[in-house]
Amino acid sequence: MKVALLGPVAWRTPPRHYGPWEQITSLLAEGLTARGVDVTLFATLDSITSGTLDGVCPRGYADDPTLDGRVWEAMHVAHALSRSAEFDLVHNHLDWLPLAFAGHCRAPLVTTVHGFSGAGILPAYAHARSSYVSISDSDRDPALDYVGTVYHGIDLDSLRFNPRGGGRLVVFGRIHPDKGNHTAIEIARRAGMPLTICGIIQDERYFDQEVAPHIDGDQVRFLGAVGPEQRSEVLGGSAALLHPIAFDEPFGLSVVESMACGTPVIAYRRGSMSEVVDPGVTGFLADTIEEAVAAVSRIPEIDRAGCRAQAERRFGADRMVSGYLSIYRDIVRRA
């Protein structure tokens, strides 16, 4: 089978620091190649893959302010679709833009919906000739016809298990009101535990007003973007990951990465969290600050080895690759 993976070009694949879509695309490319699939990865030209790399964008436009993301994404999609007849299937990880040109795709098109950036983009999905895969059942839109749900996979080998944890809570992800960083600060304060915040600053005003005033290097530390090399150290060395989201989380990659390190998760019960977190095994769900603070006191109830084992069973990259391969085979057979 010859598969084209149409990846994003905001960052390199795999990303050096932040880049969840690039990270998933990379893991899928490596897993498919290892199983004998002929994979061409369309990504930035500085990307790294065991398959065949192709593209036009020299590097991630989020890393280089001289690159206009709109221009390079359009050229990237045009280049990939111009080669689409060479493949048995094209798998889109680039949100809505390729869907606007789906009529030019000469192979079956599959799109993983990594999350909707707003209701305004739904027409691109609803009218495109594509099969859709959701990353959680909760993130499905009733207007779309899905061929399956495939949970994101993680590289278990790179996420080292820490049986001891540590004395700090941690928040891991982009700094944005949706992620509830300010709420995590309040939860940690009320629980009497220090907090480490990691992530890119996506909303400067929010960071300056709601997060930065609390950073003192002790009770609240800010590490900025944390790359793959530090991820295990930071997540595994924490008592628990706080995920008090203010939106319906499509999946929550940092949540399962934390579990893989043995670190339980305390998450608000929104979006996919009821699917991803197993209460009492990998963490706890809460609806309010008070419930989250109470959950912090229950952290010792979680067996960290059991937390890791559950992450291995449910969210390993191999399971994700198997899920997509099953979908590919069904689509190619019907085509």
C-alpha atoms as a PDB file:
ATOM      1  CA  MET A   1       0.000   0.000   0.000  1.00  0.00           C
ATOM      2  CA  LYS A   2       1.255   3.492  -0.899  1.00  0.00           C
ATOM      3  CA  VAL A   3       0.089   6.189   1.507  1.00  0.00           C
ATOM      4  CA  ALA A   4       0.643   9.932   1.426  1.00  0.00           C
ATOM      5  CA  LEU A   5       0.592  11.632   4.825  1.00  0.00           C
ATOM      6  CA  LEU A   6      -0.243  15.298   4.401  1.00  0.00           C
ATOM      7  CA  GLY A   7       1.187  16.881   7.517  1.00  0.00           C
ATOM      8  CA  PRO A   8       1.089  20.428   8.855  1.00  0.00           C
ATOM      9  CA  VAL A   9       3.901  22.885   8.184  1.00  0.00           C
ATOM     10  CA  ALA A  10       3.683  25.156  11.220  1.00  0.00           C
ATOM     11  CA  TRP A  11       6.577  23.235  12.764  1.00  0.00           C
ATOM     12  CA  ARG A  12       8.998  20.521  11.761  1.00  0.00           C
ATOM     13  CA  THR A  13       7.831  16.895  11.822  1.00  0.00           C
ATOM     14  CA  PRO A  14       8.525  15.651  14.457  1.00  0.00           C
ATOM     15  CA  PRO A  15       8.463  18.941  16.358  1.00  0.00           C
ATOM     16  CA  ARG A  16      11.449  20.178  18.307  1.00  0.00           C
ATOM     17  CA  HIS A  17       9.236  21.544  21.075  1.00  0.00           C
ATOM     18  CA  TYR A  18       5.499  22.167  20.583  1.00  0.00           C
ATOM     19  CA  GLY A  19       3.536  20.706  17.685  1.00  0.00           C
ATOM     20  CA  PRO A  20       0.958  18.038  18.603  1.00  0.00           C
ATOM     21  CA  TRP A  21      -0.326  17.513  15.052  1.00  0.00           C
ATOM     22  CA  GLU A  22       3.225  17.201  13.768  1.00  0.00           C
ATOM     23  CA  GLN A  23       4.022  14.774  16.572  1.00  0.00           C
ATOM     24  CA  ILE A  24       1.092  12.479  15.750  1.00  0.00           C
ATOM     25  CA  THR A  25       1.848  12.608  12.026  1.00  0.00           C
ATOM     26  CA  SER A  26       5.452  11.632  12.719  1.00  0.00           C
ATOM     27  CA  LEU A  27       4.533   8.702  14.974  1.00  0.00           C
ATOM     28  CA  LEU A  28       2.065   7.464  12.374  1.00  0.00           C
ATOM     29  CA  ALA A  29       4.608   7.769   9.546  1.00  0.00           C
ATOM     30  CA  GLU A  30       7.207   5.821  11.520  1.00  0.00           C
ATOM     31  CA  GLY A  31       4.746   3.150  12.608  1.00  0.00           C
ATOM     32  CA  LEU A  32       3.346   2.607   9.123  1.00  0.00           C
ATOM     33  CA  THR A  33       6.816   2.434   7.591  1.00  0.00           C
ATOM     34  CA  ALA A  34       7.872  -0.140  10.186  1.00  0.00           C
ATOM     35  CA  ARG A  35       4.933  -2.299   9.086  1.00  0.00           C
ATOM     36  CA  GLY A  36       5.931  -2.235   5.451  1.00  0.00           C
ATOM     37  CA  VAL A  37       3.662   0.538   4.200  1.00  0.00           C
ATOM     38  CA  ASP A  38       5.208   2.744   1.497  1.00  0.00           C
ATOM     39  CA  VAL A  39       4.831   6.163   3.142  1.00  0.00           C
ATOM     40  CA  THR A  40       5.511   9.575   1.646  1.00  0.00           C
ATOM     41  CA  LEU A  41       5.412  12.312   4.262  1.00  0.00           C
ATOM     42  CA  PHE A  42       4.520  15.759   2.954  1.00  0.00           C
ATOM     43  CA  ALA A  43       5.938  18.120   5.565  1.00  0.00           C
ATOM     44  CA  THR A  44       8.571  20.831   5.997  1.00  0.00           C
ATOM     45  CA  LEU A  45      11.802  20.011   4.196  1.00  0.00           C
ATOM     46  CA  ASP A  46      13.766  19.882   7.455  1.00  0.00           C
ATOM     47  CA  SER A  47      11.506  17.105   8.742  1.00  0.00           C
ATOM     48  CA  ILE A  48      12.831  13.671   9.694  1.00  0.00           C
ATOM     49  CA  THR A  49      11.193  10.425   8.626  1.00  0.00           C
ATOM     50  CA  SER A  50      11.943   6.783   7.859  1.00  0.00           C
ATOM     51  CA  GLY A  51       9.628   7.085   4.872  1.00  0.00           C
ATOM     52  CA  THR A  52      10.056   9.347   1.851  1.00  0.00           C
ATOM     53  CA  LEU A  53      10.016  13.073   2.579  1.00  0.00           C
ATOM     54  CA  ASP A  54       8.535  15.546   0.118  1.00  0.00           C
ATOM     55  CA  GLY A  55       7.332  19.111   0.314  1.00  0.00           C
ATOM     56  CA  VAL A  56       8.004  22.704  -0.613  1.00  0.00           C
ATOM     57  CA  CYS A  57       8.108  24.584   2.701  1.00  0.00           C
ATOM     58  CA  PRO A  58      11.757  24.859   3.870  1.00  0.00           C
ATOM     59  CA  ARG A  59      10.952  24.984   7.599  1.00  0.00           C
ATOM     60  CA  GLY A  60       8.045  25.618   9.932  1.00  0.00           C
ATOM     61  CA  TYR A  61       6.447  29.000   9.440  1.00  0.00           C
ATOM     62  CA  ALA A  62       5.822  29.274  13.205  1.00  0.00           C
ATOM     63  CA  ASP A  63       9.602  29.201  13.668  1.00  0.00           C
ATOM     64  CA  ASP A  64      10.384  31.677  10.897  1.00  0.00           C
ATOM     65  CA  PRO A  65       8.535  35.029  10.821  1.00  0.00           C
ATOM     66  CA  THR A  66       9.688  35.610   7.227  1.00  0.00           C
ATOM     67  CA  LEU A  67       7.374  32.806   6.045  1.00  0.00           C
ATOM     68  CA  ASP A  68       3.704  33.599   5.517  1.00  0.00           C
ATOM     69  CA  GLY A  69       1.804  30.576   6.816  1.00  0.00           C
ATOM     70  CA  ARG A  70      -1.174  31.122   4.507  1.00  0.00           C
ATOM     71  CA  VAL A  71       1.028  31.147   1.421  1.00  0.00           C
ATOM     72  CA  TRP A  72       3.180  28.171   2.366  1.00  0.00           C
ATOM     73  CA  GLU A  73       0.248  26.033   3.504  1.00  0.00           C
ATOM     74  CA  ALA A  74      -1.504  26.650   0.186  1.00  0.00           C
ATOM     75  CA  MET A  75       1.598  25.768  -1.832  1.00  0.00           C
ATOM     76  CA  HIS A  76       2.166  22.726   0.389  1.00  0.00           C
ATOM     77  CA  VAL A  77      -1.345  21.400  -0.216  1.00  0.00           C
ATOM     78  CA  ALA A  78      -1.185  22.124  -3.949  1.00  0.00           C
ATOM     79  CA  HIS A  79       2.090  20.226  -4.267  1.00  0.00           C
ATOM     80  CA  ALA A  80       0.843  17.188  -2.360  1.00  0.00           C
ATOM     81  CA  LEU A  81      -2.442  16.951  -4.253  1.00  0.00           C
ATOM     82  CA  SER A  82      -0.606  17.284  -7.568  1.00  0.00           C
ATOM     83  CA  ARG A  83       1.016  13.923  -6.740  1.00  0.00           C
ATOM     84  CA  SER A  84      -2.104  12.295  -5.274  1.00  0.00           C
ATOM     85  CA  ALA A  85      -2.652   9.930  -8.227  1.00  0.00           C
ATOM     86  CA  GLU A  86       0.560   8.124  -7.247  1.00  0.00           C
ATOM     87  CA  PHE A  87      -0.942   6.847  -3.976  1.00  0.00           C
ATOM     88  CA  ASP A  88      -3.590   4.411  -2.843  1.00  0.00           C
ATOM     89  CA  LEU A  89      -4.734   6.891  -0.216  1.00  0.00           C
ATOM     90  CA  VAL A  90      -4.009  10.412   1.039  1.00  0.00           C
ATOM     91  CA  HIS A  91      -4.293  11.008   4.779  1.00  0.00           C
ATOM     92  CA  ASN A  92      -4.820  14.663   5.682  1.00  0.00           C
ATOM     93  CA  HIS A  93      -3.631  16.024   9.043  1.00  0.00           C
ATOM     94  CA  LEU A  94      -3.821  19.657   7.976  1.00  0.00           C
ATOM     95  CA  ASP A  95      -7.299  20.694   9.092  1.00  0.00           C
ATOM     96  CA  TRP A  96      -9.718  22.259   6.610  1.00  0.00           C
ATOM     97  CA  LEU A  97      -7.518  23.702   3.841  1.00  0.00           C
ATOM     98  CA  PRO A  98      -6.968  20.461   1.858  1.00  0.00           C
ATOM     99  CA  LEU A  99     -10.726  19.846   2.040  1.00  0.00           C
ATOM    100  CA  ALA A 100     -11.365  22.990   0.028  1.00  0.00           C
ATOM    101  CA  PHE A 101      -9.405  21.344  -2.805  1.00  0.00           C
ATOM    102  CA  ALA A 102     -10.542  17.756  -2.228  1.00  0.00           C
ATOM    103  CA  GLY A 103     -11.994  17.644  -5.740  1.00  0.00           C
ATOM    104  CA  HIS A 104      -8.415  17.740  -7.061  1.00  0.00           C
ATOM    105  CA  CYS A 105      -7.342  14.708  -5.036  1.00  0.00           C
ATOM    106  CA  ARG A 106      -6.952  11.668  -7.318  1.00  0.00           C
ATOM    107  CA  ALA A 107      -6.934   9.104  -4.507  1.00  0.00           C
ATOM    108  CA  PRO A 108      -9.299   8.428  -1.607  1.00  0.00           C
ATOM    109  CA  LEU A 109      -8.896  11.196   0.969  1.00  0.00           C
ATOM    110  CA  VAL A 110      -8.992  10.532   4.710  1.00  0.00           C
ATOM    111  CA  THR A 111      -8.991  13.433   7.172  1.00  0.00           C
ATOM    112  CA  THR A 112      -8.210  13.188  10.850  1.00  0.00           C
ATOM    113  CA  VAL A 113     -10.156  15.920  12.613  1.00  0.00           C
ATOM    114  CA  HIS A 114      -7.680  17.108  15.231  1.00  0.00           C
ATOM    115  CA  GLY A 115     -10.257  19.484  16.642  1.00  0.00           C
ATOM    116  CA  PHE A 116     -12.490  22.177  15.189  1.00  0.00           C
ATOM    117  CA  SER A 117     -11.051  25.684  15.395  1.00  0.00           C
ATOM    118  CA  GLY A 118     -14.573  27.095  15.141  1.00  0.00           C
ATOM    119  CA  ALA A 119     -18.041  26.512  13.757  1.00  0.00           C
ATOM    120  CA  GLY A 120     -17.200  28.677  10.757  1.00  0.00           C
ATOM    121  CA  ILE A 121     -14.931  26.006   9.241  1.00  0.00           C
ATOM    122  CA  LEU A 122     -17.595  23.293   9.200  1.00  0.00           C
ATOM    123  CA  PRO A 123     -18.738  24.011   5.611  1.00  0.00           C
ATOM    124  CA  ALA A 124     -15.286  22.945   4.392  1.00  0.00           C
ATOM    125  CA  TYR A 125     -15.799  19.598   6.108  1.00  0.00           C
ATOM    126  CA  ALA A 126     -19.460  19.113   5.285  1.00  0.00           C
ATOM    127  CA  HIS A 127     -19.046  19.591   1.519  1.00  0.00           C
ATOM    128  CA  ALA A 128     -15.711  17.867   0.918  1.00  0.00           C
ATOM    129  CA  ARG A 129     -15.214  14.419  -0.583  1.00  0.00           C
ATOM    130  CA  SER A 130     -13.332  12.907   2.333  1.00  0.00           C
ATOM    131  CA  SER A 131     -13.667  10.209   4.952  1.00  0.00           C
ATOM    132  CA  TYR A 132     -13.361  11.493   8.517  1.00  0.00           C
ATOM    133  CA  VAL A 133     -11.662  10.059  11.578  1.00  0.00           C
ATOM    134  CA  SER A 134     -12.335  11.515  15.019  1.00  0.00           C
ATOM    135  CA  ILE A 135      -9.738  11.532  17.790  1.00  0.00           C
ATOM    136  CA  SER A 136     -12.426  11.008  20.434  1.00  0.00           C
ATOM    137  CA  ASP A 137     -16.111  10.164  20.312  1.00  0.00           C
ATOM    138  CA  SER A 138     -16.915  13.398  22.137  1.00  0.00           C
ATOM    139  CA  ASP A 139     -15.343  15.501  19.376  1.00  0.00           C
ATOM    140  CA  ARG A 140     -17.684  14.310  16.647  1.00  0.00           C
ATOM    141  CA  ASP A 141     -19.947  16.735  14.830  1.00  0.00           C
ATOM    142  CA  PRO A 142     -23.371  15.379  13.846  1.00  0.00           C
ATOM    143  CA  ALA A 143     -23.063  16.949  10.386  1.00  0.00           C
ATOM    144  CA  LEU A 144     -20.169  14.656   9.434  1.00  0.00           C
ATOM    145  CA  ASP A 145     -20.036  10.984   8.587  1.00  0.00           C
ATOM    146  CA  TYR A 146     -17.143   9.293  10.380  1.00  0.00           C
ATOM    147  CA  VAL A 147     -15.429   6.035   9.488  1.00  0.00           C
ATOM    148  CA  GLY A 148     -13.996   5.556  12.952  1.00  0.00           C
ATOM    149  CA  THR A 149     -12.406   6.983  16.080  1.00  0.00           C
ATOM    150  CA  VAL A 150      -8.674   6.526  16.613  1.00  0.00           C
ATOM    151  CA  TYR A 151      -7.189   7.805  19.851  1.00  0.00           C
ATOM    152  CA  HIS A 152      -3.823   9.493  19.570  1.00  0.00           C
ATOM    153  CA  GLY A 153      -0.828   7.286  20.269  1.00  0.00           C
ATOM    154  CA  ILE A 154       2.334   8.156  22.145  1.00  0.00           C
ATOM    155  CA  ASP A 155       5.939   7.003  21.976  1.00  0.00           C
ATOM    156  CA  LEU A 156       6.065   4.923  25.143  1.00  0.00           C
ATOM    157  CA  ASP A 157       9.828   4.375  24.852  1.00  0.00           C
ATOM    158  CA  SER A 158      10.534   8.104  25.054  1.00  0.00           C
ATOM    159  CA  LEU A 159       8.215   8.638  28.032  1.00  0.00           C
ATOM    160  CA  ARG A 160      10.069   7.085  30.932  1.00  0.00           C
ATOM    161  CA  PHE A 161       8.168   5.743  33.911  1.00  0.00           C
ATOM    162  CA  ASN A 162       8.975   7.449  37.213  1.00  0.00           C
ATOM    163  CA  PRO A 163       7.774   5.361  40.179  1.00  0.00           C
ATOM    164  CA  ARG A 164       8.306   8.163  42.701  1.00  0.00           C
ATOM    165  CA  GLY A 165       6.940  11.306  41.111  1.00  0.00           C
ATOM    166  CA  GLY A 166       7.648  14.495  43.020  1.00  0.00           C
ATOM    167  CA  GLY A 167       6.238  17.190  45.223  1.00  0.00           C
ATOM    168  CA  ARG A 168       5.034  19.607  42.559  1.00  0.00           C
ATOM    169  CA  LEU A 169       1.927  19.785  40.422  1.00  0.00           C
ATOM    170  CA  VAL A 170       2.370  20.505  36.723  1.00  0.00           C
ATOM    171  CA  VAL A 171       0.442  22.113  33.859  1.00  0.00           C
ATOM    172  CA  PHE A 172       1.588  21.125  30.387  1.00  0.00           C
ATOM    173  CA  GLY A 173       0.332  22.744  27.173  1.00  0.00           C
ATOM    174  CA  ARG A 174      -0.217  26.036  25.426  1.00  0.00           C
ATOM    175  CA  ILE A 175      -0.758  29.116  27.597  1.00  0.00           C
ATOM    176  CA  HIS A 176      -4.297  30.100  26.670  1.00  0.00           C
ATOM    177  CA  PRO A 177      -7.567  30.713  28.555  1.00  0.00           C
ATOM    178  CA  ASP A 178      -8.934  27.453  27.106  1.00  0.00           C
ATOM    179  CA  LYS A 179      -6.294  25.499  29.019  1.00  0.00           C
ATOM    180  CA  GLY A 180      -7.155  27.080  32.364  1.00  0.00           C
ATOM    181  CA  ASN A 181      -3.639  27.967  33.515  1.00  0.00           C
ATOM    182  CA  HIS A 182      -5.013  30.565  35.937  1.00  0.00           C
ATOM    183  CA  THR A 183      -7.379  27.956  37.382  1.00  0.00           C
ATOM    184  CA  ALA A 184      -4.485  25.552  37.878  1.00  0.00           C
ATOM    185  CA  ILE A 185      -2.621  28.257  39.806  1.00  0.00           C
ATOM    186  CA  GLU A 186      -5.609  28.650  42.108  1.00  0.00           C
ATOM    187  CA  ILE A 187      -6.016  24.887  42.577  1.00  0.00           C
ATOM    188  CA  ALA A 188      -2.357  24.534  43.498  1.00  0.00           C
ATOM    189  CA  ARG A 189      -2.552  27.478  45.897  1.00  0.00           C
ATOM    190  CA  ARG A 190      -5.572  26.069  47.710  1.00  0.00           C
ATOM    191  CA  ALA A 191      -4.025  22.608  47.816  1.00  0.00           C
ATOM    192  CA  GLY A 192      -0.841  24.009  49.319  1.00  0.00           C
ATOM    193  CA  MET A 193       1.405  22.586  46.593  1.00  0.00           C
ATOM    194  CA  PRO A 194       3.850  24.289  44.223  1.00  0.00           C
ATOM    195  CA  LEU A 195       3.121  24.352  40.501  1.00  0.00           C
ATOM    196  CA  THR A 196       5.230  24.116  37.355  1.00  0.00           C
ATOM    197  CA  ILE A 197       3.791  25.552  34.133  1.00  0.00           C
ATOM    198  CA  CYS A 198       5.117  24.411  30.740  1.00  0.00           C
ATOM    199  CA  GLY A 199       4.054  25.479  27.274  1.00  0.00           C
ATOM    200  CA  ILE A 200       4.216  27.997  24.485  1.00  0.00           C
ATOM    201  CA  ILE A 201       2.561  31.355  25.115  1.00  0.00           C
ATOM    202  CA  GLN A 202      -0.324  31.427  22.664  1.00  0.00           C
ATOM    203  CA  ASP A 203      -2.155  34.367  24.250  1.00  0.00           C
ATOM    204  CA  GLU A 204       0.290  37.076  25.352  1.00  0.00           C
ATOM    205  CA  ARG A 205      -2.323  39.245  27.050  1.00  0.00           C
ATOM    206  CA  TYR A 206      -3.681  36.320  29.043  1.00  0.00           C
ATOM    207  CA  PHE A 207      -0.180  35.315  30.097  1.00  0.00           C
ATOM    208  CA  ASP A 208       0.741  38.859  31.145  1.00  0.00           C
ATOM    209  CA  GLN A 209      -2.452  39.443  33.130  1.00  0.00           C
ATOM    210  CA  GLU A 210      -3.430  36.047  34.551  1.00  0.00           C
ATOM    211  CA  VAL A 211      -0.258  33.952  34.722  1.00  0.00           C
ATOM    212  CA  ALA A 212       2.918  36.063  34.890  1.00  0.00           C
ATOM    213  CA  PRO A 213       1.997  37.956  38.110  1.00  0.00           C
ATOM    214  CA  HIS A 214       1.974  34.634  39.982  1.00  0.00           C
ATOM    215  CA  ILE A 215       5.334  33.360  38.725  1.00  0.00           C
ATOM    216  CA  ASP A 216       7.849  33.624  41.555  1.00  0.00           C
ATOM    217  CA  GLY A 217      10.215  30.773  40.737  1.00  0.00           C
ATOM    218  CA  ASP A 218       9.093  28.840  43.808  1.00  0.00           C
ATOM    219  CA  GLN A 219       5.345  28.446  44.319  1.00  0.00           C
ATOM    220  CA  VAL A 220       4.791  28.939  40.592  1.00  0.00           C
ATOM    221  CA  ARG A 221       7.546  28.169  38.070  1.00  0.00           C
ATOM    222  CA  PHE A 222       7.365  28.745  34.334  1.00  0.00           C
ATOM    223  CA  LEU A 223       9.622  26.663  32.086  1.00  0.00           C
ATOM    224  CA  GLY A 224       8.284  27.766  28.691  1.00  0.00           C
ATOM    225  CA  ALA A 225       8.164  25.272  25.839  1.00  0.00           C
ATOM    226  CA  VAL A 226       9.473  21.869  26.921  1.00  0.00           C
ATOM    227  CA  GLY A 227      10.791  19.607  24.191  1.00  0.00           C
ATOM    228  CA  PRO A 228      10.704  15.818  23.960  1.00  0.00           C
ATOM    229  CA  GLU A 229      13.974  15.387  25.855  1.00  0.00           C
ATOM    230  CA  GLN A 230      12.649  17.159  28.970  1.00  0.00           C
ATOM    231  CA  ARG A 231       9.095  15.869  28.801  1.00  0.00           C
ATOM    232  CA  SER A 232       9.663  12.703  30.812  1.00  0.00           C
ATOM    233  CA  GLU A 233      11.712  14.546  33.411  1.00  0.00           C
ATOM    234  CA  VAL A 234       9.087  17.224  33.995  1.00  0.00           C
ATOM    235  CA  LEU A 235       5.975  15.062  33.780  1.00  0.00           C
ATOM    236  CA  GLY A 236       7.428  12.040  35.537  1.00  0.00           C
ATOM    237  CA  GLY A 237       8.907  14.164  38.291  1.00  0.00           C
ATOM    238  CA  SER A 238       5.530  15.639  39.232  1.00  0.00           C
ATOM    239  CA  ALA A 239       2.869  14.511  41.687  1.00  0.00           C
ATOM    240  CA  ALA A 240       0.008  15.095  39.237  1.00  0.00           C
ATOM    241  CA  LEU A 241      -0.889  16.924  36.036  1.00  0.00           C
ATOM    242  CA  LEU A 242      -3.592  19.566  36.366  1.00  0.00           C
ATOM    243  CA  HIS A 243      -5.844  19.949  33.323  1.00  0.00           C
ATOM    244  CA  PRO A 244      -8.648  22.351  34.353  1.00  0.00           C
ATOM    245  CA  ILE A 245      -9.778  23.112  30.811  1.00  0.00           C
ATOM    246  CA  ALA A 246     -12.302  25.797  29.886  1.00  0.00           C
ATOM    247  CA  PHE A 247     -13.275  24.191  26.575  1.00  0.00           C
ATOM    248  CA  ASP A 248     -14.282  20.787  25.257  1.00  0.00           C
ATOM    249  CA  GLU A 249     -10.891  19.137  24.854  1.00  0.00           C
ATOM    250  CA  PRO A 250     -10.775  17.052  21.631  1.00  0.00           C
ATOM    251  CA  PHE A 251      -8.230  14.615  23.090  1.00  0.00           C
ATOM    252  CA  GLY A 252      -5.464  15.966  25.359  1.00  0.00           C
ATOM    253  CA  LEU A 253      -2.078  14.597  24.300  1.00  0.00           C
ATOM    254  CA  SER A 254      -0.258  15.848  27.405  1.00  0.00           C
ATOM    255  CA  VAL A 255      -2.787  14.000  29.530  1.00  0.00           C
ATOM    256  CA  VAL A 256      -1.833  10.570  28.195  1.00  0.00           C
ATOM    257  CA  GLU A 257       1.867  11.493  28.113  1.00  0.00           C
ATOM    258  CA  SER A 258       1.628  12.237  31.817  1.00  0.00           C
ATOM    259  CA  MET A 259      -0.074   8.904  32.471  1.00  0.00           C
ATOM    260  CA  ALA A 260       2.712   7.108  30.592  1.00  0.00           C
ATOM    261  CA  CYS A 261       5.223   8.603  33.031  1.00  0.00           C
ATOM    262  CA  GLY A 262       3.138   7.256  35.900  1.00  0.00           C
ATOM    263  CA  THR A 263       1.843  10.706  36.840  1.00  0.00           C
ATOM    264  CA  PRO A 264      -1.929  10.841  37.397  1.00  0.00           C
ATOM    265  CA  VAL A 265      -4.157  13.526  35.924  1.00  0.00           C
ATOM    266  CA  ILE A 266      -6.714  15.791  37.577  1.00  0.00           C
ATOM    267  CA  ALA A 267      -8.887  17.092  34.758  1.00  0.00           C
ATOM    268  CA  TYR A 268     -12.124  18.986  34.383  1.00  0.00           C
ATOM    269  CA  ARG A 269     -14.915  16.795  33.084  1.00  0.00           C
ATOM    270  CA  ARG A 270     -15.167  18.368  29.618  1.00  0.00           C
ATOM    271  CA  GLY A 271     -14.813  17.063  26.085  1.00  0.00           C
ATOM    272  CA  SER A 272     -12.836  13.850  25.816  1.00  0.00           C
ATOM    273  CA  MET A 273     -11.685  13.718  29.423  1.00  0.00           C
ATOM    274  CA  SER A 274     -14.343  11.197  30.436  1.00  0.00           C
ATOM    275  CA  GLU A 275     -13.054   8.932  27.653  1.00  0.00           C
ATOM    276  CA  VAL A 276      -9.362   9.387  28.345  1.00  0.00           C
ATOM    277  CA  VAL A 277      -9.100   9.508  32.152  1.00  0.00           C
ATOM    278  CA  ASP A 278      -9.969   6.364  34.109  1.00  0.00           C
ATOM    279  CA  PRO A 279     -10.971   7.642  37.578  1.00  0.00           C
ATOM    280  CA  GLY A 280      -9.048   5.994  40.351  1.00  0.00           C
ATOM    281  CA  VAL A 281      -6.628   4.381  37.887  1.00  0.00           C
ATOM    282  CA  THR A 282      -5.028   7.201  35.899  1.00  0.00           C
ATOM    283  CA  GLY A 283      -6.428  10.182  37.777  1.00  0.00           C
ATOM    284  CA  PHE A 284      -9.615  11.966  38.765  1.00  0.00           C
ATOM    285  CA  LEU A 285     -12.295  14.087  37.086  1.00  0.00           C
ATOM    286  CA  ALA A 286     -13.627  17.286  38.618  1.00  0.00           C
ATOM    287  CA  ASP A 287     -16.224  19.914  37.809  1.00  0.00           C
ATOM    288  CA  THR A 288     -15.105  22.714  40.126  1.00  0.00           C
ATOM    289  CA  ILE A 289     -11.993  24.124  41.759  1.00  0.00           C
ATOM    290  CA  GLU A 290     -13.149  22.673  45.071  1.00  0.00           C
ATOM    291  CA  GLU A 291     -13.458  19.180  43.589  1.00  0.00           C
ATOM    292  CA  ALA A 292     -10.038  19.493  41.958  1.00  0.00           C
ATOM    293  CA  VAL A 293      -8.458  20.543  45.266  1.00  0.00           C
ATOM    294  CA  ALA A 294     -10.073  17.542  46.954  1.00  0.00           C
ATOM    295  CA  ALA A 295      -8.686  15.313  44.178  1.00  0.00           C
ATOM    296  CA  VAL A 296      -5.159  16.589  44.882  1.00  0.00           C
ATOM    297  CA  SER A 297      -5.442  15.129  48.383  1.00  0.00           C
ATOM    298  CA  ARG A 298      -6.287  11.755  46.795  1.00  0.00           C
ATOM    299  CA  ILE A 299      -3.152  11.551  44.637  1.00  0.00           C
ATOM    300  CA  PRO A 300      -1.573   8.897  46.912  1.00  0.00           C
ATOM    301  CA  GLU A 301      -4.475   6.566  46.044  1.00  0.00           C
ATOM    302  CA  ILE A 302      -3.182   6.215  42.482  1.00  0.00           C
ATOM    303  CA  ASP A 303      -0.749   3.378  41.808  1.00  0.00           C
ATOM    304  CA  ARG A 304       1.778   4.958  39.459  1.00  0.00           C
ATOM    305  CA  ALA A 305       2.732   1.592  37.943  1.00  0.00           C
ATOM    306  CA  GLY A 306      -0.932   0.910  37.254  1.00  0.00           C
ATOM    307  CA  CYS A 307      -1.240   4.357  35.702  1.00  0.00           C
ATOM    308  CA  ARG A 308       1.628   3.592  33.327  1.00  0.00           C
ATOM    309  CA  ALA A 309       0.214   0.158  32.489  1.00  0.00           C
ATOM    310  CA  GLN A 310      -3.160   1.630  31.559  1.00  0.00           C
ATOM    311  CA  ALA A 311      -1.491   4.194  29.301  1.00  0.00           C
ATOM    312  CA  GLU A 312       0.404   1.379  27.595  1.00  0.00           C
ATOM    313  CA  ARG A 313      -2.783  -0.598  27.024  1.00  0.00           C
ATOM    314  CA  ARG A 314      -4.849   2.274  25.689  1.00  0.00           C
ATOM    315  CA  PHE A 315      -2.564   4.844  24.096  1.00  0.00           C
ATOM    316  CA  GLY A 316       0.566   3.248  22.657  1.00  0.00           C
ATOM    317  CA  ALA A 317       1.567   4.341  19.159  1.00  0.00           C
ATOM    318  CA  ASP A 318       1.188   0.761  17.891  1.00  0.00           C
ATOM    319  CA  ARG A 319      -2.498   0.784  18.785  1.00  0.00           C
ATOM    320  CA  MET A 320      -2.971   4.044  16.868  1.00  0.00           C
ATOM    321  CA  VAL A 321      -1.152   2.661  13.823  1.00  0.00           C
ATOM    322  CA  SER A 322      -3.303  -0.487  13.886  1.00  0.00           C
ATOM    323  CA  GLY A 323      -6.458   1.619  14.038  1.00  0.00           C
ATOM    324  CA  TYR A 324      -5.482   3.662  11.008  1.00  0.00           C
ATOM    325  CA  LEU A 325      -4.316   0.634   9.034  1.00  0.00           C
ATOM    326  CA  SER A 326      -7.710  -1.000   9.524  1.00  0.00           C
ATOM    327  CA  ILE A 327      -9.426   2.150   8.232  1.00  0.00           C
ATOM    328  CA  TYR A 328      -7.031   2.441   5.275  1.00  0.00           C
ATOM    329  CA  ARG A 329      -7.623  -1.147   4.183  1.00  0.00           C
ATOM    330  CA  ASP A 330     -11.371  -0.757   4.342  1.00  0.00           C
ATOM    331  CA  ILE A 331     -11.327   2.488   2.327  1.00  0.00           C
ATOM    332  CA  VAL A 332      -8.923   1.132  -0.322  1.00  0.00           C
ATOM    333  CA  ARG A 333     -10.980  -2.058  -0.619  1.00  0.00           C
ATOM    334  CA  ARG A 334     -14.170  -0.065  -1.194  1.00  0.00           C
ATOM    335  CA  ALA A 335     -12.412   2.297  -3.621  1.00  0.00           C
END
